[in-house]
Protein backbone atom coordinates (compact mmCIF):
# COMPACT_ATOMS: atom_id res chain seq x y z
CA MET A 1 12.68 15.61 -19.58
CA THR A 2 11.85 16.21 -15.94
CA SER A 3 12.55 13.60 -13.28
CA ALA A 4 9.78 14.81 -10.98
CA ILE A 5 6.99 12.30 -10.43
CA LYS A 6 3.52 13.80 -10.38
CA LYS A 7 0.94 12.69 -7.86
CA ALA A 8 -2.27 11.18 -9.18
CA GLU A 9 -4.98 13.83 -9.27
CA LYS A 10 -7.90 11.59 -8.36
CA SER A 11 -7.93 8.66 -5.97
CA TYR A 12 -9.12 5.33 -7.32
CA VAL A 13 -7.88 3.16 -4.45
CA VAL A 14 -9.19 2.73 -0.89
CA PHE A 15 -7.20 1.16 1.96
CA VAL A 16 -9.31 -0.51 4.65
CA LEU A 17 -7.71 -1.67 7.89
CA ALA A 18 -8.47 -5.38 8.08
CA LYS A 19 -6.38 -6.51 11.04
CA GLU A 20 -4.59 -4.55 13.73
CA GLY A 21 -1.67 -6.33 15.37
CA GLU A 22 0.77 -5.51 18.16
CA LYS A 23 3.55 -4.51 15.77
CA THR A 24 2.06 -4.69 12.27
CA ASN A 25 -1.28 -4.25 10.56
CA GLN A 26 -3.00 -5.54 7.43
CA TRP A 27 -5.15 -3.65 4.94
CA VAL A 28 -7.48 -4.71 2.16
CA VAL A 29 -6.98 -2.63 -0.97
CA LEU A 30 -10.20 -1.83 -2.82
CA SER A 31 -11.08 0.05 -5.97
CA ILE A 32 -13.53 2.91 -5.58
CA HIS A 33 -16.09 0.45 -6.97
CA ASP A 34 -15.48 -1.96 -4.03
CA THR A 35 -13.51 -4.50 -6.06
CA VAL A 36 -10.80 -6.20 -4.00
CA LEU A 37 -7.46 -5.43 -5.66
CA GLY A 38 -5.20 -7.09 -3.09
CA HIS A 39 -3.85 -6.59 0.39
CA VAL A 40 -1.03 -4.86 2.23
CA ALA A 41 0.76 -6.76 4.97
CA TRP A 42 4.12 -6.98 6.68
CA PHE A 43 6.58 -9.17 4.74
CA GLY A 44 9.06 -10.36 7.34
CA ARG A 45 11.87 -11.47 5.04
CA TRP A 46 11.99 -8.03 3.44
CA ARG A 47 11.23 -6.28 6.74
CA GLN A 48 8.67 -3.96 5.19
CA TYR A 49 5.03 -3.67 4.19
CA THR A 50 4.29 -5.02 0.72
CA PHE A 51 1.32 -5.16 -1.63
CA SER A 52 0.04 -8.56 -2.79
CA PRO A 53 -2.34 -8.17 -5.74
CA GLN A 54 -5.30 -10.38 -6.51
CA PRO A 55 -4.84 -12.62 -9.58
CA ASN A 56 -5.84 -11.14 -12.93
CA THR A 57 -5.85 -7.53 -11.76
CA THR A 58 -4.50 -4.66 -13.86
CA TYR A 59 -3.26 -1.31 -12.55
CA SER A 60 -2.81 2.12 -14.04
CA TRP A 61 0.16 4.30 -13.27
CA GLY A 62 -1.97 6.39 -10.89
CA CYS A 63 -3.18 3.36 -8.91
CA LEU A 64 0.36 2.02 -8.59
CA MET A 65 1.57 5.41 -7.36
CA GLU A 66 -1.18 5.50 -4.71
CA ILE A 67 -0.25 2.03 -3.52
CA ALA A 68 3.47 2.86 -3.52
CA ASN A 69 2.85 6.07 -1.54
CA PHE A 70 0.74 4.16 0.99
CA LEU A 71 3.49 1.55 1.41
CA GLN A 72 6.14 4.22 1.81
CA GLY A 73 4.11 5.99 4.49
CA LYS A 74 3.36 2.82 6.45
CA ASN A 75 7.00 1.71 6.31
CA GLN A 76 8.14 5.13 7.56
CA GLU A 77 5.57 5.03 10.39
CA HIS A 78 6.76 1.55 11.36
CA ARG A 79 10.38 2.72 11.62
CA LYS A 80 9.43 5.84 13.60
CA LEU A 81 7.66 3.64 16.16
CA GLY A 82 11.02 1.99 16.82
CA PHE A 83 10.30 -1.37 15.25
CA SER A 84 13.12 -2.89 13.23
CA ALA A 85 12.75 -2.10 9.57
């Protein structure tokens, strides 16, 4: 069994910048069919960006990987800008 995680081949998730702040931003997460899936925002207690899903939403492995990769990238960018992580 391989431990490598494959990247989703097709994108089903769209991240739309909803609010740009001095230190942090917020995004609305949409399906490719324009359904709101949730939002990404800075969660101060955990000192990182997190995803908050809409109630009664279901996600495939590929969608979760896309969201996780987006979060990882935004958290890395935040640290590189010199903000506390």
